[in-house]
Amino acid sequence: MPSLLKNRSIRILLLSCLLSLFSCGAYNFTGGDVGTAETFQVNYFQNYASQSPGSTFDPGLDREFTLALQDLILNQTSLDLVSAEGDLLFEGEIVEYRVTPMSATAEQRAAQNRLSISVNVRFFNRTKEDADFERRFSHFYDYDAASQLSTVRDEAHQVIFERINQDIFQAALADW
């Protein structure tokens, strides 16, 4: 009798584990709902920031951002990256890259600067057309005004890209 009860308990435990895994449907462990999509495509994000008043141009920013978005989606979904005809398509352009003083010292000098980046994104879901959108995403990084942007650039880009790309991911795939 005890071994029968033990076997039954193990079966119930296994069944409940399996049901909880499959009840999540198309959601993955990061919360993204890829639906029936199997592939995604990230077109090259052109850098048009220099066309915006007050913005500057950072060579290589477009490549860095495009790769960061691809990496985030690869790491947080089971989707395959393709160069054409992806079920999910991300495209857009970098529209702002600006450094502005944020706070002043008693001597009327900037104590802190802020690097702001804005990206216009168009998202197309070929498996669920009502999920398409076009939106602008922005984030910033504050740094000591005594520092040159070139010394904090890599860290600033990493922080900003992570935040913007998480926001893009949530807008595109967190269909709660």
N, C-alpha and C. Protein backbone atom coordinates (compact mmCIF):
# COMPACT_ATOMS: atom_id res chain seq x y z
N MET A 1 0.81 -1.21 0.00
CA MET A 1 0.00 0.00 0.00
C MET A 1 0.86 1.27 0.00
N PRO A 2 1.92 1.38 0.83
CA PRO A 2 2.73 2.61 0.82
C PRO A 2 3.41 2.85 -0.53
N SER A 3 3.87 1.79 -1.22
CA SER A 3 4.52 2.02 -2.51
C SER A 3 3.50 2.46 -3.56
N LEU A 4 2.26 1.97 -3.49
CA LEU A 4 1.21 2.40 -4.40
C LEU A 4 0.91 3.88 -4.19
N LEU A 5 0.83 4.30 -2.92
CA LEU A 5 0.58 5.70 -2.60
C LEU A 5 1.74 6.58 -3.07
N LYS A 6 2.97 6.07 -2.90
CA LYS A 6 4.15 6.81 -3.30
C LYS A 6 4.19 6.99 -4.82
N ASN A 7 3.90 5.93 -5.58
CA ASN A 7 3.87 6.01 -7.04
C ASN A 7 2.79 6.99 -7.52
N ARG A 8 1.66 6.95 -6.86
CA ARG A 8 0.57 7.84 -7.24
C ARG A 8 0.94 9.30 -6.97
N SER A 9 1.60 9.56 -5.86
CA SER A 9 2.04 10.92 -5.51
C SER A 9 3.06 11.43 -6.53
N ILE A 10 3.96 10.56 -6.94
CA ILE A 10 4.97 10.96 -7.92
C ILE A 10 4.30 11.27 -9.25
N ARG A 11 3.34 10.44 -9.65
CA ARG A 11 2.64 10.68 -10.91
C ARG A 11 1.88 12.01 -10.88
N ILE A 12 1.23 12.29 -9.77
CA ILE A 12 0.48 13.54 -9.64
C ILE A 12 1.43 14.74 -9.70
N LEU A 13 2.56 14.62 -9.03
CA LEU A 13 3.56 15.69 -9.04
C LEU A 13 4.09 15.93 -10.46
N LEU A 14 4.42 14.84 -11.16
CA LEU A 14 4.91 14.97 -12.53
C LEU A 14 3.85 15.57 -13.45
N LEU A 15 2.63 15.13 -13.30
CA LEU A 15 1.54 15.64 -14.13
C LEU A 15 1.32 17.13 -13.88
N SER A 16 1.35 17.54 -12.62
CA SER A 16 1.14 18.96 -12.33
C SER A 16 2.30 19.82 -12.84
N CYS A 17 3.53 19.29 -12.81
CA CYS A 17 4.68 20.02 -13.36
C CYS A 17 4.53 20.19 -14.87
N LEU A 18 4.14 19.12 -15.56
CA LEU A 18 3.96 19.19 -17.00
C LEU A 18 2.84 20.16 -17.38
N LEU A 19 1.73 20.10 -16.65
CA LEU A 19 0.62 21.01 -16.94
C LEU A 19 1.02 22.46 -16.74
N SER A 20 1.78 22.73 -15.70
CA SER A 20 2.18 24.12 -15.46
C SER A 20 3.14 24.62 -16.54
N LEU A 21 3.98 23.75 -17.06
CA LEU A 21 4.89 24.16 -18.14
C LEU A 21 4.12 24.44 -19.43
N PHE A 22 3.19 23.57 -19.78
CA PHE A 22 2.47 23.73 -21.05
C PHE A 22 1.34 24.75 -20.96
N SER A 23 0.90 25.09 -19.79
CA SER A 23 -0.18 26.07 -19.68
C SER A 23 0.31 27.47 -20.00
N CYS A 24 1.62 27.67 -20.07
CA CYS A 24 2.16 28.98 -20.40
C CYS A 24 2.00 29.29 -21.88
N GLY A 25 1.61 28.33 -22.68
CA GLY A 25 1.38 28.56 -24.10
C GLY A 25 2.64 29.02 -24.79
N ALA A 26 2.54 30.12 -25.53
CA ALA A 26 3.68 30.62 -26.30
C ALA A 26 4.56 31.56 -25.49
N TYR A 27 4.25 31.76 -24.23
CA TYR A 27 5.09 32.63 -23.42
C TYR A 27 6.39 31.91 -23.08
N ASN A 28 7.47 32.68 -23.04
CA ASN A 28 8.71 32.09 -22.58
C ASN A 28 9.00 32.61 -21.18
N PHE A 29 10.11 32.25 -20.61
CA PHE A 29 10.39 32.58 -19.23
C PHE A 29 10.71 34.05 -19.01
N THR A 30 10.91 34.82 -20.05
CA THR A 30 11.17 36.25 -19.89
C THR A 30 9.90 37.06 -20.02
N GLY A 31 8.79 36.42 -20.33
CA GLY A 31 7.53 37.13 -20.42
C GLY A 31 7.14 37.55 -21.82
N GLY A 32 7.94 37.22 -22.82
CA GLY A 32 7.62 37.60 -24.18
C GLY A 32 6.66 36.61 -24.82
N ASP A 33 5.66 37.13 -25.52
CA ASP A 33 4.70 36.28 -26.22
C ASP A 33 5.02 36.33 -27.71
N VAL A 34 5.66 35.28 -28.20
CA VAL A 34 6.03 35.24 -29.61
C VAL A 34 4.92 34.65 -30.47
N GLY A 35 3.85 34.19 -29.86
CA GLY A 35 2.73 33.63 -30.60
C GLY A 35 3.20 32.48 -31.48
N THR A 36 2.84 32.52 -32.75
CA THR A 36 3.23 31.46 -33.67
C THR A 36 4.50 31.81 -34.45
N ALA A 37 5.08 32.96 -34.13
CA ALA A 37 6.30 33.39 -34.82
C ALA A 37 7.45 32.45 -34.52
N GLU A 38 8.28 32.23 -35.53
CA GLU A 38 9.46 31.38 -35.38
C GLU A 38 10.74 32.13 -35.68
N THR A 39 10.62 33.24 -36.42
CA THR A 39 11.81 33.99 -36.83
C THR A 39 11.61 35.48 -36.57
N PHE A 40 12.72 36.19 -36.52
CA PHE A 40 12.66 37.64 -36.43
C PHE A 40 13.77 38.25 -37.27
N GLN A 41 13.56 39.48 -37.64
CA GLN A 41 14.49 40.21 -38.48
C GLN A 41 14.67 41.60 -37.88
N VAL A 42 15.90 42.06 -37.76
CA VAL A 42 16.19 43.42 -37.31
C VAL A 42 16.94 44.11 -38.45
N ASN A 43 16.25 45.00 -39.13
CA ASN A 43 16.90 45.76 -40.20
C ASN A 43 17.85 46.78 -39.58
N TYR A 44 18.84 47.16 -40.33
CA TYR A 44 19.87 48.09 -39.89
C TYR A 44 19.24 49.43 -39.51
N PHE A 45 19.47 49.89 -38.30
CA PHE A 45 18.95 51.17 -37.83
C PHE A 45 19.91 52.29 -38.27
N GLN A 46 19.47 53.09 -39.23
CA GLN A 46 20.29 54.20 -39.73
C GLN A 46 20.41 55.28 -38.65
N ASN A 47 21.54 55.96 -38.64
CA ASN A 47 21.78 57.03 -37.67
C ASN A 47 21.48 58.38 -38.33
N TYR A 48 20.30 58.93 -38.03
CA TYR A 48 19.90 60.24 -38.55
C TYR A 48 19.94 61.30 -37.44
N ALA A 49 20.63 61.02 -36.36
CA ALA A 49 20.65 61.94 -35.22
C ALA A 49 21.20 63.31 -35.59
N SER A 50 22.17 63.36 -36.47
CA SER A 50 22.78 64.65 -36.81
C SER A 50 21.79 65.59 -37.51
N GLN A 51 20.69 65.07 -37.99
CA GLN A 51 19.68 65.90 -38.65
C GLN A 51 18.74 66.57 -37.66
N SER A 52 18.81 66.15 -36.40
CA SER A 52 17.97 66.72 -35.35
C SER A 52 18.71 67.90 -34.72
N PRO A 53 18.05 69.04 -34.54
CA PRO A 53 18.73 70.22 -33.95
C PRO A 53 19.33 69.90 -32.57
N GLY A 54 20.58 70.25 -32.39
CA GLY A 54 21.25 70.03 -31.12
C GLY A 54 21.87 68.66 -30.97
N SER A 55 21.60 67.75 -31.89
CA SER A 55 22.15 66.41 -31.82
C SER A 55 23.54 66.37 -32.46
N THR A 56 24.31 65.40 -32.05
CA THR A 56 25.62 65.18 -32.65
C THR A 56 25.63 63.82 -33.33
N PHE A 57 26.70 63.54 -34.04
CA PHE A 57 26.81 62.28 -34.77
C PHE A 57 27.87 61.42 -34.10
N ASP A 58 27.55 60.16 -33.84
CA ASP A 58 28.51 59.21 -33.28
C ASP A 58 28.66 58.07 -34.27
N PRO A 59 29.80 58.02 -34.97
CA PRO A 59 29.98 56.95 -35.96
C PRO A 59 29.96 55.58 -35.28
N GLY A 60 29.32 54.65 -35.92
CA GLY A 60 29.24 53.29 -35.38
C GLY A 60 28.06 53.05 -34.46
N LEU A 61 27.35 54.11 -34.09
CA LEU A 61 26.21 53.98 -33.19
C LEU A 61 25.12 53.11 -33.80
N ASP A 62 24.89 53.26 -35.09
CA ASP A 62 23.85 52.50 -35.78
C ASP A 62 24.13 50.99 -35.72
N ARG A 63 25.36 50.62 -35.95
CA ARG A 63 25.74 49.19 -35.91
C ARG A 63 25.63 48.65 -34.49
N GLU A 64 26.13 49.41 -33.52
CA GLU A 64 26.07 49.00 -32.11
C GLU A 64 24.63 48.76 -31.67
N PHE A 65 23.75 49.71 -32.02
CA PHE A 65 22.37 49.59 -31.59
C PHE A 65 21.69 48.40 -32.25
N THR A 66 21.88 48.23 -33.54
CA THR A 66 21.26 47.12 -34.27
C THR A 66 21.68 45.78 -33.67
N LEU A 67 22.97 45.62 -33.40
CA LEU A 67 23.48 44.37 -32.81
C LEU A 67 22.94 44.15 -31.40
N ALA A 68 22.83 45.22 -30.63
CA ALA A 68 22.32 45.10 -29.26
C ALA A 68 20.87 44.63 -29.25
N LEU A 69 20.06 45.15 -30.17
CA LEU A 69 18.66 44.72 -30.26
C LEU A 69 18.57 43.26 -30.70
N GLN A 70 19.38 42.87 -31.69
CA GLN A 70 19.39 41.48 -32.13
C GLN A 70 19.77 40.55 -30.97
N ASP A 71 20.81 40.91 -30.24
CA ASP A 71 21.28 40.08 -29.12
C ASP A 71 20.22 39.92 -28.04
N LEU A 72 19.53 41.01 -27.71
CA LEU A 72 18.50 40.94 -26.67
C LEU A 72 17.39 39.97 -27.08
N ILE A 73 16.92 40.07 -28.30
CA ILE A 73 15.83 39.21 -28.75
C ILE A 73 16.30 37.76 -28.84
N LEU A 74 17.52 37.54 -29.32
CA LEU A 74 18.07 36.18 -29.36
C LEU A 74 18.17 35.57 -27.96
N ASN A 75 18.59 36.38 -26.99
CA ASN A 75 18.79 35.89 -25.63
C ASN A 75 17.49 35.70 -24.86
N GLN A 76 16.43 36.43 -25.23
CA GLN A 76 15.21 36.37 -24.45
C GLN A 76 14.06 35.63 -25.12
N THR A 77 14.31 35.08 -26.30
CA THR A 77 13.28 34.29 -26.98
C THR A 77 13.92 33.07 -27.61
N SER A 78 13.09 32.22 -28.14
CA SER A 78 13.59 31.06 -28.88
C SER A 78 13.52 31.30 -30.39
N LEU A 79 13.31 32.55 -30.78
CA LEU A 79 13.19 32.90 -32.20
C LEU A 79 14.55 32.82 -32.89
N ASP A 80 14.51 32.52 -34.18
CA ASP A 80 15.72 32.48 -34.99
C ASP A 80 15.86 33.80 -35.74
N LEU A 81 17.08 34.34 -35.77
CA LEU A 81 17.38 35.57 -36.49
C LEU A 81 17.54 35.25 -37.97
N VAL A 82 16.82 36.00 -38.83
CA VAL A 82 16.94 35.84 -40.27
C VAL A 82 17.21 37.20 -40.89
N SER A 83 17.74 37.21 -42.11
CA SER A 83 18.05 38.47 -42.77
C SER A 83 16.91 38.97 -43.65
N ALA A 84 15.92 38.13 -43.91
CA ALA A 84 14.77 38.54 -44.73
C ALA A 84 13.56 37.67 -44.40
N GLU A 85 12.37 38.25 -44.62
CA GLU A 85 11.11 37.52 -44.45
C GLU A 85 10.89 36.99 -43.03
N GLY A 86 11.34 37.72 -42.01
CA GLY A 86 11.12 37.30 -40.63
C GLY A 86 9.66 37.44 -40.25
N ASP A 87 9.20 36.56 -39.37
CA ASP A 87 7.82 36.67 -38.87
C ASP A 87 7.63 37.97 -38.11
N LEU A 88 8.65 38.38 -37.38
CA LEU A 88 8.63 39.65 -36.66
C LEU A 88 9.71 40.54 -37.28
N LEU A 89 9.38 41.77 -37.57
CA LEU A 89 10.32 42.68 -38.20
C LEU A 89 10.46 43.95 -37.36
N PHE A 90 11.70 44.27 -37.03
CA PHE A 90 12.02 45.51 -36.32
C PHE A 90 12.84 46.37 -37.26
N GLU A 91 12.45 47.64 -37.42
CA GLU A 91 13.21 48.56 -38.24
C GLU A 91 13.01 49.96 -37.71
N GLY A 92 13.89 50.86 -38.12
CA GLY A 92 13.74 52.23 -37.68
C GLY A 92 15.03 53.01 -37.85
N GLU A 93 15.14 54.09 -37.09
CA GLU A 93 16.30 54.94 -37.18
C GLU A 93 16.58 55.60 -35.84
N ILE A 94 17.86 55.92 -35.64
CA ILE A 94 18.28 56.68 -34.46
C ILE A 94 18.05 58.14 -34.81
N VAL A 95 17.22 58.82 -34.02
CA VAL A 95 16.81 60.18 -34.37
C VAL A 95 17.39 61.25 -33.46
N GLU A 96 18.00 60.84 -32.34
CA GLU A 96 18.59 61.84 -31.44
C GLU A 96 19.77 61.25 -30.70
N TYR A 97 20.83 62.03 -30.62
CA TYR A 97 22.04 61.71 -29.84
C TYR A 97 22.53 63.05 -29.32
N ARG A 98 22.21 63.36 -28.07
CA ARG A 98 22.40 64.70 -27.56
C ARG A 98 23.05 64.67 -26.18
N VAL A 99 24.00 65.58 -25.97
CA VAL A 99 24.61 65.80 -24.66
C VAL A 99 24.17 67.17 -24.17
N THR A 100 23.58 67.21 -22.97
CA THR A 100 23.13 68.47 -22.40
C THR A 100 23.59 68.58 -20.95
N PRO A 101 23.92 69.80 -20.50
CA PRO A 101 24.25 69.98 -19.08
C PRO A 101 22.99 69.82 -18.23
N MET A 102 23.12 69.18 -17.07
CA MET A 102 21.94 68.90 -16.26
C MET A 102 21.86 69.69 -14.96
N SER A 103 22.95 69.81 -14.26
CA SER A 103 22.92 70.54 -13.00
C SER A 103 24.15 71.43 -12.92
N ALA A 104 24.03 72.53 -12.17
CA ALA A 104 25.11 73.50 -12.10
C ALA A 104 25.73 73.54 -10.71
N THR A 105 26.98 73.94 -10.66
CA THR A 105 27.67 74.16 -9.38
C THR A 105 27.41 75.60 -8.96
N ALA A 106 27.92 75.98 -7.80
CA ALA A 106 27.79 77.35 -7.31
C ALA A 106 28.47 78.34 -8.25
N GLU A 107 29.47 77.88 -8.99
CA GLU A 107 30.19 78.74 -9.93
C GLU A 107 29.51 78.77 -11.31
N GLN A 108 28.29 78.31 -11.40
CA GLN A 108 27.53 78.28 -12.64
C GLN A 108 28.17 77.42 -13.73
N ARG A 109 28.83 76.35 -13.32
CA ARG A 109 29.37 75.37 -14.25
C ARG A 109 28.53 74.11 -14.18
N ALA A 110 28.53 73.37 -15.25
CA ALA A 110 27.78 72.11 -15.25
C ALA A 110 28.46 71.11 -14.33
N ALA A 111 27.68 70.51 -13.45
CA ALA A 111 28.20 69.47 -12.57
C ALA A 111 27.96 68.10 -13.17
N GLN A 112 26.94 68.02 -14.00
CA GLN A 112 26.57 66.75 -14.60
C GLN A 112 26.08 66.98 -16.02
N ASN A 113 26.42 66.05 -16.90
CA ASN A 113 25.91 66.07 -18.27
C ASN A 113 25.01 64.87 -18.48
N ARG A 114 24.15 64.98 -19.45
CA ARG A 114 23.23 63.88 -19.78
C ARG A 114 23.35 63.55 -21.26
N LEU A 115 23.64 62.29 -21.53
CA LEU A 115 23.60 61.78 -22.90
C LEU A 115 22.22 61.17 -23.12
N SER A 116 21.50 61.66 -24.12
CA SER A 116 20.17 61.14 -24.45
C SER A 116 20.19 60.56 -25.85
N ILE A 117 19.56 59.40 -25.99
CA ILE A 117 19.43 58.76 -27.30
C ILE A 117 17.96 58.44 -27.52
N SER A 118 17.47 58.76 -28.71
CA SER A 118 16.09 58.43 -29.09
C SER A 118 16.10 57.63 -30.38
N VAL A 119 15.22 56.65 -30.42
CA VAL A 119 15.14 55.76 -31.57
C VAL A 119 13.68 55.65 -32.00
N ASN A 120 13.44 55.81 -33.28
CA ASN A 120 12.11 55.59 -33.84
C ASN A 120 12.06 54.14 -34.33
N VAL A 121 11.05 53.39 -33.88
CA VAL A 121 10.96 51.96 -34.20
C VAL A 121 9.63 51.65 -34.86
N ARG A 122 9.73 50.86 -35.92
CA ARG A 122 8.55 50.29 -36.56
C ARG A 122 8.61 48.78 -36.36
N PHE A 123 7.52 48.22 -35.84
CA PHE A 123 7.45 46.79 -35.57
C PHE A 123 6.31 46.20 -36.37
N PHE A 124 6.61 45.11 -37.08
CA PHE A 124 5.60 44.41 -37.87
C PHE A 124 5.58 42.95 -37.47
N ASN A 125 4.40 42.46 -37.14
CA ASN A 125 4.22 41.06 -36.76
C ASN A 125 3.40 40.39 -37.85
N ARG A 126 4.04 39.60 -38.67
CA ARG A 126 3.35 38.96 -39.80
C ARG A 126 2.38 37.88 -39.35
N THR A 127 2.47 37.45 -38.11
CA THR A 127 1.56 36.42 -37.61
C THR A 127 0.39 37.02 -36.84
N LYS A 128 0.46 38.32 -36.55
CA LYS A 128 -0.58 38.98 -35.75
C LYS A 128 -0.55 40.47 -36.09
N GLU A 129 -1.21 40.86 -37.16
CA GLU A 129 -1.09 42.20 -37.71
C GLU A 129 -1.56 43.31 -36.79
N ASP A 130 -2.48 43.04 -35.89
CA ASP A 130 -2.94 44.11 -35.00
C ASP A 130 -1.91 44.46 -33.94
N ALA A 131 -0.76 43.78 -33.94
CA ALA A 131 0.31 44.07 -32.99
C ALA A 131 1.33 45.06 -33.56
N ASP A 132 1.20 45.44 -34.82
CA ASP A 132 2.15 46.36 -35.45
C ASP A 132 2.10 47.72 -34.76
N PHE A 133 3.26 48.40 -34.73
CA PHE A 133 3.28 49.76 -34.18
C PHE A 133 4.48 50.54 -34.72
N GLU A 134 4.40 51.84 -34.56
CA GLU A 134 5.53 52.74 -34.78
C GLU A 134 5.57 53.67 -33.57
N ARG A 135 6.73 53.65 -32.87
CA ARG A 135 6.87 54.44 -31.65
C ARG A 135 8.30 54.94 -31.50
N ARG A 136 8.44 55.95 -30.69
CA ARG A 136 9.75 56.51 -30.37
C ARG A 136 10.12 56.06 -28.96
N PHE A 137 11.35 55.58 -28.81
CA PHE A 137 11.87 55.13 -27.52
C PHE A 137 13.11 55.95 -27.18
N SER A 138 13.21 56.38 -25.92
CA SER A 138 14.33 57.22 -25.50
C SER A 138 14.82 56.79 -24.12
N HIS A 139 16.07 57.07 -23.89
CA HIS A 139 16.63 56.91 -22.55
C HIS A 139 17.88 57.77 -22.46
N PHE A 140 18.41 57.91 -21.25
CA PHE A 140 19.54 58.80 -21.02
C PHE A 140 20.54 58.18 -20.04
N TYR A 141 21.69 58.79 -19.97
CA TYR A 141 22.74 58.40 -19.04
C TYR A 141 23.39 59.68 -18.52
N ASP A 142 23.39 59.86 -17.20
CA ASP A 142 24.02 61.03 -16.58
C ASP A 142 25.44 60.70 -16.18
N TYR A 143 26.35 61.65 -16.39
CA TYR A 143 27.74 61.46 -16.02
C TYR A 143 28.34 62.78 -15.56
N ASP A 144 29.42 62.70 -14.81
CA ASP A 144 30.10 63.85 -14.25
C ASP A 144 30.59 64.76 -15.38
N ALA A 145 30.34 66.05 -15.25
CA ALA A 145 30.72 67.00 -16.30
C ALA A 145 32.23 67.12 -16.45
N ALA A 146 32.97 66.72 -15.43
CA ALA A 146 34.43 66.77 -15.53
C ALA A 146 34.95 65.66 -16.45
N SER A 147 34.14 64.67 -16.71
CA SER A 147 34.52 63.56 -17.59
C SER A 147 34.19 63.90 -19.03
N GLN A 148 34.99 63.39 -19.92
CA GLN A 148 34.71 63.51 -21.34
C GLN A 148 33.75 62.38 -21.74
N LEU A 149 32.88 62.67 -22.69
CA LEU A 149 31.95 61.63 -23.17
C LEU A 149 32.73 60.40 -23.65
N SER A 150 33.87 60.61 -24.27
CA SER A 150 34.64 59.48 -24.79
C SER A 150 35.07 58.51 -23.70
N THR A 151 35.20 58.97 -22.47
CA THR A 151 35.62 58.08 -21.38
C THR A 151 34.46 57.27 -20.80
N VAL A 152 33.23 57.75 -20.96
CA VAL A 152 32.07 57.04 -20.41
C VAL A 152 31.18 56.48 -21.52
N ARG A 153 31.57 56.69 -22.76
CA ARG A 153 30.75 56.33 -23.92
C ARG A 153 30.28 54.88 -23.90
N ASP A 154 31.21 53.94 -23.74
CA ASP A 154 30.84 52.53 -23.81
C ASP A 154 29.83 52.15 -22.73
N GLU A 155 30.07 52.59 -21.51
CA GLU A 155 29.14 52.29 -20.41
C GLU A 155 27.79 52.98 -20.66
N ALA A 156 27.84 54.23 -21.11
CA ALA A 156 26.61 54.97 -21.38
C ALA A 156 25.77 54.27 -22.45
N HIS A 157 26.42 53.87 -23.54
CA HIS A 157 25.70 53.18 -24.61
C HIS A 157 25.10 51.87 -24.11
N GLN A 158 25.86 51.12 -23.32
CA GLN A 158 25.36 49.85 -22.80
C GLN A 158 24.10 50.06 -21.95
N VAL A 159 24.14 51.04 -21.06
CA VAL A 159 22.99 51.32 -20.19
C VAL A 159 21.78 51.79 -21.01
N ILE A 160 22.03 52.72 -21.91
CA ILE A 160 20.93 53.27 -22.72
C ILE A 160 20.35 52.21 -23.65
N PHE A 161 21.20 51.47 -24.34
CA PHE A 161 20.71 50.43 -25.25
C PHE A 161 19.91 49.38 -24.50
N GLU A 162 20.39 48.97 -23.33
CA GLU A 162 19.67 47.95 -22.55
C GLU A 162 18.26 48.43 -22.22
N ARG A 163 18.13 49.66 -21.79
CA ARG A 163 16.82 50.19 -21.41
C ARG A 163 15.91 50.35 -22.62
N ILE A 164 16.42 50.98 -23.67
CA ILE A 164 15.60 51.18 -24.88
C ILE A 164 15.19 49.84 -25.47
N ASN A 165 16.12 48.90 -25.55
CA ASN A 165 15.80 47.60 -26.15
C ASN A 165 14.83 46.80 -25.31
N GLN A 166 14.92 46.90 -23.99
CA GLN A 166 13.93 46.24 -23.13
C GLN A 166 12.55 46.86 -23.35
N ASP A 167 12.50 48.19 -23.51
CA ASP A 167 11.22 48.86 -23.78
C ASP A 167 10.64 48.41 -25.12
N ILE A 168 11.49 48.28 -26.13
CA ILE A 168 11.05 47.81 -27.45
C ILE A 168 10.54 46.37 -27.33
N PHE A 169 11.28 45.54 -26.64
CA PHE A 169 10.90 44.14 -26.44
C PHE A 169 9.54 44.05 -25.76
N GLN A 170 9.37 44.83 -24.69
CA GLN A 170 8.09 44.81 -23.97
C GLN A 170 6.94 45.28 -24.85
N ALA A 171 7.17 46.34 -25.61
CA ALA A 171 6.10 46.86 -26.48
C ALA A 171 5.73 45.85 -27.56
N ALA A 172 6.71 45.13 -28.09
CA ALA A 172 6.47 44.20 -29.18
C ALA A 172 5.97 42.84 -28.72
N LEU A 173 6.49 42.35 -27.58
CA LEU A 173 6.24 40.95 -27.23
C LEU A 173 5.61 40.71 -25.87
N ALA A 174 5.36 41.72 -25.10
CA ALA A 174 4.71 41.51 -23.80
C ALA A 174 3.23 41.81 -23.94
N ASP A 175 2.54 40.94 -24.61
CA ASP A 175 1.12 41.11 -24.91
C ASP A 175 0.30 40.45 -23.81
N TRP A 176 0.22 41.11 -22.68
CA TRP A 176 -0.45 40.50 -21.51
C TRP A 176 -1.92 40.65 -21.68
